[in-house]
Amino acid sequence: YGLAHAICTHLVGKLHSLCLFATHFHELTALSDEFPSAVNKHVSAHAAEGEFTMLYKVEDGPADQSFGIYVAEASKFPPTVIA
């Protein structure tokens, strides 16, 4: 987390660069409170009853949950890696 936070802070606070930064560190969404130019977006998905569907729609705000396990299962990762 520390390295990802430092990179994001440098990109938005020092370089003022336009950047798309994808991460599984939900804590980084708080950077939008510190830097008004940082904006949170997420790709919507639906998960229910063991089914997972990516909706391919970009929405405002941070994701309300992580879909990493579903993506790993859909990618055929071995169960010993996912567990």
PDB file of N, CA and C in Angstrom:
ATOM      1  N   TYR A   1       0.817  -1.197   0.000  1.00  0.00           N
ATOM      2  CA  TYR A   1       0.000   0.000   0.000  1.00  0.00           C
ATOM      3  C   TYR A   1       0.858   1.258   0.000  1.00  0.00           C
ATOM      4  N   GLY A   2       1.939   1.260   0.759  1.00  0.00           N
ATOM      5  CA  GLY A   2       2.773   2.445   0.900  1.00  0.00           C
ATOM      6  C   GLY A   2       3.339   2.942  -0.418  1.00  0.00           C
ATOM      7  N   LEU A   3       3.814   2.015  -1.243  1.00  0.00           N
ATOM      8  CA  LEU A   3       4.382   2.405  -2.533  1.00  0.00           C
ATOM      9  C   LEU A   3       3.294   2.962  -3.454  1.00  0.00           C
ATOM     10  N   ALA A   4       2.140   2.301  -3.500  1.00  0.00           N
ATOM     11  CA  ALA A   4       1.036   2.784  -4.340  1.00  0.00           C
ATOM     12  C   ALA A   4       0.579   4.174  -3.889  1.00  0.00           C
ATOM     13  N   HIS A   5       0.506   4.403  -2.587  1.00  0.00           N
ATOM     14  CA  HIS A   5       0.114   5.707  -2.053  1.00  0.00           C
ATOM     15  C   HIS A   5       1.133   6.769  -2.449  1.00  0.00           C
ATOM     16  N   ALA A   6       2.417   6.447  -2.319  1.00  0.00           N
ATOM     17  CA  ALA A   6       3.467   7.409  -2.663  1.00  0.00           C
ATOM     18  C   ALA A   6       3.434   7.760  -4.151  1.00  0.00           C
ATOM     19  N   ILE A   7       3.216   6.763  -4.994  1.00  0.00           N
ATOM     20  CA  ILE A   7       3.146   7.016  -6.436  1.00  0.00           C
ATOM     21  C   ILE A   7       1.956   7.912  -6.765  1.00  0.00           C
ATOM     22  N   CYS A   8       0.796   7.574  -6.229  1.00  0.00           N
ATOM     23  CA  CYS A   8      -0.401   8.381  -6.497  1.00  0.00           C
ATOM     24  C   CYS A   8      -0.233   9.812  -6.002  1.00  0.00           C
ATOM     25  N   THR A   9       0.285   9.955  -4.801  1.00  0.00           N
ATOM     26  CA  THR A   9       0.492  11.290  -4.233  1.00  0.00           C
ATOM     27  C   THR A   9       1.447  12.099  -5.103  1.00  0.00           C
ATOM     28  N   HIS A  10       2.502  11.460  -5.586  1.00  0.00           N
ATOM     29  CA  HIS A  10       3.458  12.153  -6.446  1.00  0.00           C
ATOM     30  C   HIS A  10       2.813  12.546  -7.778  1.00  0.00           C
ATOM     31  N   LEU A  11       2.058  11.630  -8.376  1.00  0.00           N
ATOM     32  CA  LEU A  11       1.421  11.916  -9.670  1.00  0.00           C
ATOM     33  C   LEU A  11       0.439  13.081  -9.578  1.00  0.00           C
ATOM     34  N   VAL A  12      -0.391  13.069  -8.562  1.00  0.00           N
ATOM     35  CA  VAL A  12      -1.435  14.088  -8.477  1.00  0.00           C
ATOM     36  C   VAL A  12      -0.956  15.358  -7.767  1.00  0.00           C
ATOM     37  N   GLY A  13      -0.079  15.212  -6.772  1.00  0.00           N
ATOM     38  CA  GLY A  13       0.335  16.364  -5.978  1.00  0.00           C
ATOM     39  C   GLY A  13       1.529  17.120  -6.524  1.00  0.00           C
ATOM     40  N   LYS A  14       2.453  16.405  -7.161  1.00  0.00           N
ATOM     41  CA  LYS A  14       3.683  17.052  -7.646  1.00  0.00           C
ATOM     42  C   LYS A  14       3.670  17.236  -9.159  1.00  0.00           C
ATOM     43  N   LEU A  15       3.319  16.184  -9.894  1.00  0.00           N
ATOM     44  CA  LEU A  15       3.372  16.259 -11.355  1.00  0.00           C
ATOM     45  C   LEU A  15       2.106  16.841 -11.969  1.00  0.00           C
ATOM     46  N   HIS A  16       1.002  16.781 -11.236  1.00  0.00           N
ATOM     47  CA  HIS A  16      -0.295  17.245 -11.739  1.00  0.00           C
ATOM     48  C   HIS A  16      -0.607  16.605 -13.101  1.00  0.00           C
ATOM     49  N   SER A  17      -0.305  15.318 -13.198  1.00  0.00           N
ATOM     50  CA  SER A  17      -0.448  14.632 -14.482  1.00  0.00           C
ATOM     51  C   SER A  17      -1.820  13.975 -14.609  1.00  0.00           C
ATOM     52  N   LEU A  18      -2.235  13.820 -15.844  1.00  0.00           N
ATOM     53  CA  LEU A  18      -3.451  13.077 -16.143  1.00  0.00           C
ATOM     54  C   LEU A  18      -3.079  11.600 -16.132  1.00  0.00           C
ATOM     55  N   CYS A  19      -3.747  10.825 -15.332  1.00  0.00           N
ATOM     56  CA  CYS A  19      -3.341   9.434 -15.147  1.00  0.00           C
ATOM     57  C   CYS A  19      -4.552   8.585 -14.777  1.00  0.00           C
ATOM     58  N   LEU A  20      -4.569   7.377 -15.290  1.00  0.00           N
ATOM     59  CA  LEU A  20      -5.549   6.377 -14.877  1.00  0.00           C
ATOM     60  C   LEU A  20      -4.813   5.384 -14.002  1.00  0.00           C
ATOM     61  N   PHE A  21      -5.238   5.248 -12.772  1.00  0.00           N
ATOM     62  CA  PHE A  21      -4.547   4.401 -11.805  1.00  0.00           C
ATOM     63  C   PHE A  21      -5.535   3.366 -11.293  1.00  0.00           C
ATOM     64  N   ALA A  22      -5.309   2.106 -11.628  1.00  0.00           N
ATOM     65  CA  ALA A  22      -6.188   1.020 -11.175  1.00  0.00           C
ATOM     66  C   ALA A  22      -5.506   0.274 -10.035  1.00  0.00           C
ATOM     67  N   THR A  23      -6.235   0.016  -8.973  1.00  0.00           N
ATOM     68  CA  THR A  23      -5.648  -0.643  -7.807  1.00  0.00           C
ATOM     69  C   THR A  23      -6.709  -1.401  -7.023  1.00  0.00           C
ATOM     70  N   HIS A  24      -6.244  -2.333  -6.213  1.00  0.00           N
ATOM     71  CA  HIS A  24      -7.143  -3.025  -5.295  1.00  0.00           C
ATOM     72  C   HIS A  24      -7.058  -2.437  -3.888  1.00  0.00           C
ATOM     73  N   PHE A  25      -6.260  -1.388  -3.709  1.00  0.00           N
ATOM     74  CA  PHE A  25      -6.147  -0.733  -2.407  1.00  0.00           C
ATOM     75  C   PHE A  25      -7.273   0.287  -2.253  1.00  0.00           C
ATOM     76  N   HIS A  26      -8.329  -0.113  -1.582  1.00  0.00           N
ATOM     77  CA  HIS A  26      -9.482   0.769  -1.413  1.00  0.00           C
ATOM     78  C   HIS A  26      -9.131   2.024  -0.613  1.00  0.00           C
ATOM     79  N   GLU A  27      -8.074   1.939   0.200  1.00  0.00           N
ATOM     80  CA  GLU A  27      -7.664   3.092   0.999  1.00  0.00           C
ATOM     81  C   GLU A  27      -7.256   4.280   0.119  1.00  0.00           C
ATOM     82  N   LEU A  28      -6.808   3.986  -1.102  1.00  0.00           N
ATOM     83  CA  LEU A  28      -6.378   5.067  -1.988  1.00  0.00           C
ATOM     84  C   LEU A  28      -7.526   5.955  -2.449  1.00  0.00           C
ATOM     85  N   THR A  29      -8.751   5.496  -2.312  1.00  0.00           N
ATOM     86  CA  THR A  29      -9.885   6.332  -2.713  1.00  0.00           C
ATOM     87  C   THR A  29      -9.978   7.593  -1.862  1.00  0.00           C
ATOM     88  N   ALA A  30      -9.378   7.587  -0.668  1.00  0.00           N
ATOM     89  CA  ALA A  30      -9.391   8.760   0.210  1.00  0.00           C
ATOM     90  C   ALA A  30      -8.542   9.899  -0.342  1.00  0.00           C
ATOM     91  N   LEU A  31      -7.679   9.623  -1.316  1.00  0.00           N
ATOM     92  CA  LEU A  31      -6.867  10.689  -1.901  1.00  0.00           C
ATOM     93  C   LEU A  31      -7.728  11.765  -2.549  1.00  0.00           C
ATOM     94  N   SER A  32      -8.934  11.415  -2.964  1.00  0.00           N
ATOM     95  CA  SER A  32      -9.813  12.425  -3.561  1.00  0.00           C
ATOM     96  C   SER A  32     -10.260  13.454  -2.520  1.00  0.00           C
ATOM     97  N   ASP A  33     -10.176  13.124  -1.230  1.00  0.00           N
ATOM     98  CA  ASP A  33     -10.487  14.092  -0.172  1.00  0.00           C
ATOM     99  C   ASP A  33      -9.356  15.111  -0.023  1.00  0.00           C
ATOM    100  N   GLU A  34      -8.129  14.645  -0.260  1.00  0.00           N
ATOM    101  CA  GLU A  34      -6.952  15.502  -0.115  1.00  0.00           C
ATOM    102  C   GLU A  34      -6.637  16.294  -1.387  1.00  0.00           C
ATOM    103  N   PHE A  35      -6.908  15.686  -2.527  1.00  0.00           N
ATOM    104  CA  PHE A  35      -6.602  16.311  -3.818  1.00  0.00           C
ATOM    105  C   PHE A  35      -7.878  16.411  -4.642  1.00  0.00           C
ATOM    106  N   PRO A  36      -8.465  17.591  -4.770  1.00  0.00           N
ATOM    107  CA  PRO A  36      -9.717  17.746  -5.515  1.00  0.00           C
ATOM    108  C   PRO A  36      -9.636  17.285  -6.974  1.00  0.00           C
ATOM    109  N   SER A  37      -8.432  17.272  -7.546  1.00  0.00           N
ATOM    110  CA  SER A  37      -8.297  16.832  -8.938  1.00  0.00           C
ATOM    111  C   SER A  37      -8.322  15.314  -9.072  1.00  0.00           C
ATOM    112  N   ALA A  38      -8.186  14.591  -7.962  1.00  0.00           N
ATOM    113  CA  ALA A  38      -8.268  13.122  -7.994  1.00  0.00           C
ATOM    114  C   ALA A  38      -9.734  12.710  -7.971  1.00  0.00           C
ATOM    115  N   VAL A  39     -10.113  11.877  -8.893  1.00  0.00           N
ATOM    116  CA  VAL A  39     -11.511  11.451  -9.019  1.00  0.00           C
ATOM    117  C   VAL A  39     -11.586   9.930  -8.998  1.00  0.00           C
ATOM    118  N   ASN A  40     -12.525   9.406  -8.240  1.00  0.00           N
ATOM    119  CA  ASN A  40     -12.720   7.963  -8.173  1.00  0.00           C
ATOM    120  C   ASN A  40     -13.775   7.511  -9.181  1.00  0.00           C
ATOM    121  N   LYS A  41     -13.453   6.451  -9.896  1.00  0.00           N
ATOM    122  CA  LYS A  41     -14.383   5.795 -10.821  1.00  0.00           C
ATOM    123  C   LYS A  41     -14.251   4.297 -10.603  1.00  0.00           C
ATOM    124  N   HIS A  42     -15.246   3.555 -10.994  1.00  0.00           N
ATOM    125  CA  HIS A  42     -15.165   2.097 -10.935  1.00  0.00           C
ATOM    126  C   HIS A  42     -15.980   1.489 -12.069  1.00  0.00           C
ATOM    127  N   VAL A  43     -15.641   0.254 -12.407  1.00  0.00           N
ATOM    128  CA  VAL A  43     -16.398  -0.487 -13.419  1.00  0.00           C
ATOM    129  C   VAL A  43     -17.409  -1.337 -12.668  1.00  0.00           C
ATOM    130  N   SER A  44     -18.669  -1.212 -13.035  1.00  0.00           N
ATOM    131  CA  SER A  44     -19.713  -1.921 -12.304  1.00  0.00           C
ATOM    132  C   SER A  44     -19.717  -3.408 -12.643  1.00  0.00           C
ATOM    133  N   ALA A  45     -20.185  -4.169 -11.681  1.00  0.00           N
ATOM    134  CA  ALA A  45     -20.287  -5.615 -11.832  1.00  0.00           C
ATOM    135  C   ALA A  45     -21.453  -6.099 -10.971  1.00  0.00           C
ATOM    136  N   HIS A  46     -21.905  -7.296 -11.267  1.00  0.00           N
ATOM    137  CA  HIS A  46     -22.985  -7.897 -10.497  1.00  0.00           C
ATOM    138  C   HIS A  46     -22.520  -9.268 -10.029  1.00  0.00           C
ATOM    139  N   ALA A  47     -22.624  -9.517  -8.726  1.00  0.00           N
ATOM    140  CA  ALA A  47     -22.244 -10.807  -8.163  1.00  0.00           C
ATOM    141  C   ALA A  47     -23.367 -11.283  -7.254  1.00  0.00           C
ATOM    142  N   ALA A  48     -23.881 -12.473  -7.539  1.00  0.00           N
ATOM    143  CA  ALA A  48     -24.943 -13.058  -6.713  1.00  0.00           C
ATOM    144  C   ALA A  48     -25.020 -14.556  -6.981  1.00  0.00           C
ATOM    145  N   GLU A  49     -25.247 -15.300  -5.921  1.00  0.00           N
ATOM    146  CA  GLU A  49     -25.459 -16.746  -6.014  1.00  0.00           C
ATOM    147  C   GLU A  49     -24.366 -17.452  -6.832  1.00  0.00           C
ATOM    148  N   GLY A  50     -23.117 -17.085  -6.580  1.00  0.00           N
ATOM    149  CA  GLY A  50     -22.007 -17.724  -7.276  1.00  0.00           C
ATOM    150  C   GLY A  50     -21.796 -17.279  -8.706  1.00  0.00           C
ATOM    151  N   GLU A  51     -22.586 -16.364  -9.185  1.00  0.00           N
ATOM    152  CA  GLU A  51     -22.459 -15.848 -10.548  1.00  0.00           C
ATOM    153  C   GLU A  51     -21.813 -14.469 -10.498  1.00  0.00           C
ATOM    154  N   PHE A  52     -20.979 -14.188 -11.494  1.00  0.00           N
ATOM    155  CA  PHE A  52     -20.293 -12.908 -11.559  1.00  0.00           C
ATOM    156  C   PHE A  52     -20.376 -12.383 -12.981  1.00  0.00           C
ATOM    157  N   THR A  53     -20.847 -11.145 -13.127  1.00  0.00           N
ATOM    158  CA  THR A  53     -20.991 -10.537 -14.448  1.00  0.00           C
ATOM    159  C   THR A  53     -20.401  -9.133 -14.428  1.00  0.00           C
ATOM    160  N   MET A  54     -19.416  -8.902 -15.297  1.00  0.00           N
ATOM    161  CA  MET A  54     -18.891  -7.546 -15.476  1.00  0.00           C
ATOM    162  C   MET A  54     -19.881  -6.796 -16.362  1.00  0.00           C
ATOM    163  N   LEU A  55     -20.269  -5.609 -15.953  1.00  0.00           N
ATOM    164  CA  LEU A  55     -21.257  -4.826 -16.700  1.00  0.00           C
ATOM    165  C   LEU A  55     -20.611  -3.821 -17.650  1.00  0.00           C
ATOM    166  N   TYR A  56     -19.291  -3.658 -17.556  1.00  0.00           N
ATOM    167  CA  TYR A  56     -18.528  -2.781 -18.466  1.00  0.00           C
ATOM    168  C   TYR A  56     -19.100  -1.369 -18.543  1.00  0.00           C
ATOM    169  N   LYS A  57     -19.518  -0.878 -17.398  1.00  0.00           N
ATOM    170  CA  LYS A  57     -20.036   0.478 -17.303  1.00  0.00           C
ATOM    171  C   LYS A  57     -19.206   1.224 -16.258  1.00  0.00           C
ATOM    172  N   VAL A  58     -18.598   2.323 -16.664  1.00  0.00           N
ATOM    173  CA  VAL A  58     -17.805   3.126 -15.733  1.00  0.00           C
ATOM    174  C   VAL A  58     -18.748   4.053 -14.976  1.00  0.00           C
ATOM    175  N   GLU A  59     -18.650   3.991 -13.657  1.00  0.00           N
ATOM    176  CA  GLU A  59     -19.522   4.783 -12.805  1.00  0.00           C
ATOM    177  C   GLU A  59     -18.697   5.653 -11.862  1.00  0.00           C
ATOM    178  N   ASP A  60     -19.315   6.714 -11.363  1.00  0.00           N
ATOM    179  CA  ASP A  60     -18.659   7.615 -10.429  1.00  0.00           C
ATOM    180  C   ASP A  60     -18.489   6.961  -9.064  1.00  0.00           C
ATOM    181  N   GLY A  61     -17.436   7.373  -8.367  1.00  0.00           N
ATOM    182  CA  GLY A  61     -17.195   6.929  -6.999  1.00  0.00           C
ATOM    183  C   GLY A  61     -16.375   5.657  -6.927  1.00  0.00           C
ATOM    184  N   PRO A  62     -15.932   5.333  -5.717  1.00  0.00           N
ATOM    185  CA  PRO A  62     -15.164   4.099  -5.532  1.00  0.00           C
ATOM    186  C   PRO A  62     -16.081   2.876  -5.572  1.00  0.00           C
ATOM    187  N   ALA A  63     -15.496   1.735  -5.840  1.00  0.00           N
ATOM    188  CA  ALA A  63     -16.266   0.483  -5.812  1.00  0.00           C
ATOM    189  C   ALA A  63     -16.683   0.190  -4.379  1.00  0.00           C
ATOM    190  N   ASP A  64     -17.850  -0.386  -4.199  1.00  0.00           N
ATOM    191  CA  ASP A  64     -18.318  -0.684  -2.852  1.00  0.00           C
ATOM    192  C   ASP A  64     -17.876  -2.059  -2.369  1.00  0.00           C
ATOM    193  N   GLN A  65     -17.255  -2.846  -3.260  1.00  0.00           N
ATOM    194  CA  GLN A  65     -16.722  -4.136  -2.868  1.00  0.00           C
ATOM    195  C   GLN A  65     -15.667  -4.575  -3.883  1.00  0.00           C
ATOM    196  N   SER A  66     -14.862  -5.558  -3.475  1.00  0.00           N
ATOM    197  CA  SER A  66     -13.829  -6.081  -4.351  1.00  0.00           C
ATOM    198  C   SER A  66     -14.350  -7.333  -5.063  1.00  0.00           C
ATOM    199  N   PHE A  67     -14.016  -7.442  -6.326  1.00  0.00           N
ATOM    200  CA  PHE A  67     -14.424  -8.599  -7.106  1.00  0.00           C
ATOM    201  C   PHE A  67     -13.230  -9.477  -7.488  1.00  0.00           C
ATOM    202  N   GLY A  68     -12.108  -9.301  -6.772  1.00  0.00           N
ATOM    203  CA  GLY A  68     -10.883 -10.033  -7.090  1.00  0.00           C
ATOM    204  C   GLY A  68     -11.037 -11.534  -7.071  1.00  0.00           C
ATOM    205  N   ILE A  69     -11.759 -12.057  -6.096  1.00  0.00           N
ATOM    206  CA  ILE A  69     -11.951 -13.514  -6.010  1.00  0.00           C
ATOM    207  C   ILE A  69     -12.746 -14.014  -7.206  1.00  0.00           C
ATOM    208  N   TYR A  70     -13.777 -13.286  -7.598  1.00  0.00           N
ATOM    209  CA  TYR A  70     -14.576 -13.682  -8.759  1.00  0.00           C
ATOM    210  C   TYR A  70     -13.737 -13.672 -10.040  1.00  0.00           C
ATOM    211  N   VAL A  71     -12.907 -12.644 -10.185  1.00  0.00           N
ATOM    212  CA  VAL A  71     -12.045 -12.548 -11.369  1.00  0.00           C
ATOM    213  C   VAL A  71     -11.033 -13.692 -11.371  1.00  0.00           C
ATOM    214  N   ALA A  72     -10.478 -14.004 -10.221  1.00  0.00           N
ATOM    215  CA  ALA A  72      -9.533 -15.120 -10.132  1.00  0.00           C
ATOM    216  C   ALA A  72     -10.195 -16.441 -10.503  1.00  0.00           C
ATOM    217  N   GLU A  73     -11.408 -16.661 -10.015  1.00  0.00           N
ATOM    218  CA  GLU A  73     -12.136 -17.894 -10.359  1.00  0.00           C
ATOM    219  C   GLU A  73     -12.449 -17.950 -11.847  1.00  0.00           C
ATOM    220  N   ALA A  74     -12.894 -16.837 -12.423  1.00  0.00           N
ATOM    221  CA  ALA A  74     -13.215 -16.792 -13.846  1.00  0.00           C
ATOM    222  C   ALA A  74     -11.964 -16.992 -14.702  1.00  0.00           C
ATOM    223  N   SER A  75     -10.801 -16.623 -14.154  1.00  0.00           N
ATOM    224  CA  SER A  75      -9.534 -16.780 -14.874  1.00  0.00           C
ATOM    225  C   SER A  75      -8.941 -18.167 -14.679  1.00  0.00           C
ATOM    226  N   LYS A  76      -9.668 -19.025 -13.975  1.00  0.00           N
ATOM    227  CA  LYS A  76      -9.252 -20.416 -13.746  1.00  0.00           C
ATOM    228  C   LYS A  76      -7.994 -20.545 -12.891  1.00  0.00           C
ATOM    229  N   PHE A  77      -7.845 -19.623 -11.919  1.00  0.00           N
ATOM    230  CA  PHE A  77      -6.752 -19.787 -10.967  1.00  0.00           C
ATOM    231  C   PHE A  77      -7.004 -21.062 -10.174  1.00  0.00           C
ATOM    232  N   PRO A  78      -5.966 -21.777  -9.771  1.00  0.00           N
ATOM    233  CA  PRO A  78      -6.153 -22.985  -8.972  1.00  0.00           C
ATOM    234  C   PRO A  78      -6.809 -22.645  -7.629  1.00  0.00           C
ATOM    235  N   PRO A  79      -7.696 -23.496  -7.156  1.00  0.00           N
ATOM    236  CA  PRO A  79      -8.375 -23.231  -5.855  1.00  0.00           C
ATOM    237  C   PRO A  79      -7.401 -23.000  -4.722  1.00  0.00           C
ATOM    238  N   THR A  80      -6.217 -23.631  -4.762  1.00  0.00           N
ATOM    239  CA  THR A  80      -5.243 -23.432  -3.687  1.00  0.00           C
ATOM    240  C   THR A  80      -4.691 -22.006  -3.678  1.00  0.00           C
ATOM    241  N   VAL A  81      -4.716 -21.339  -4.803  1.00  0.00           N
ATOM    242  CA  VAL A  81      -4.258 -19.940  -4.879  1.00  0.00           C
ATOM    243  C   VAL A  81      -5.345 -19.013  -4.369  1.00  0.00           C
ATOM    244  N   ILE A  82      -6.579 -19.316  -4.679  1.00  0.00           N
ATOM    245  CA  ILE A  82      -7.709 -18.456  -4.313  1.00  0.00           C
ATOM    246  C   ILE A  82      -8.041 -18.549  -2.825  1.00  0.00           C
ATOM    247  N   ALA A  83      -7.900 -19.724  -2.254  1.00  0.00           N
ATOM    248  CA  ALA A  83      -8.287 -19.956  -0.857  1.00  0.00           C
ATOM    249  C   ALA A  83      -7.465 -19.197   0.134  1.00  0.00           C
TER     250      ALA A  83
END
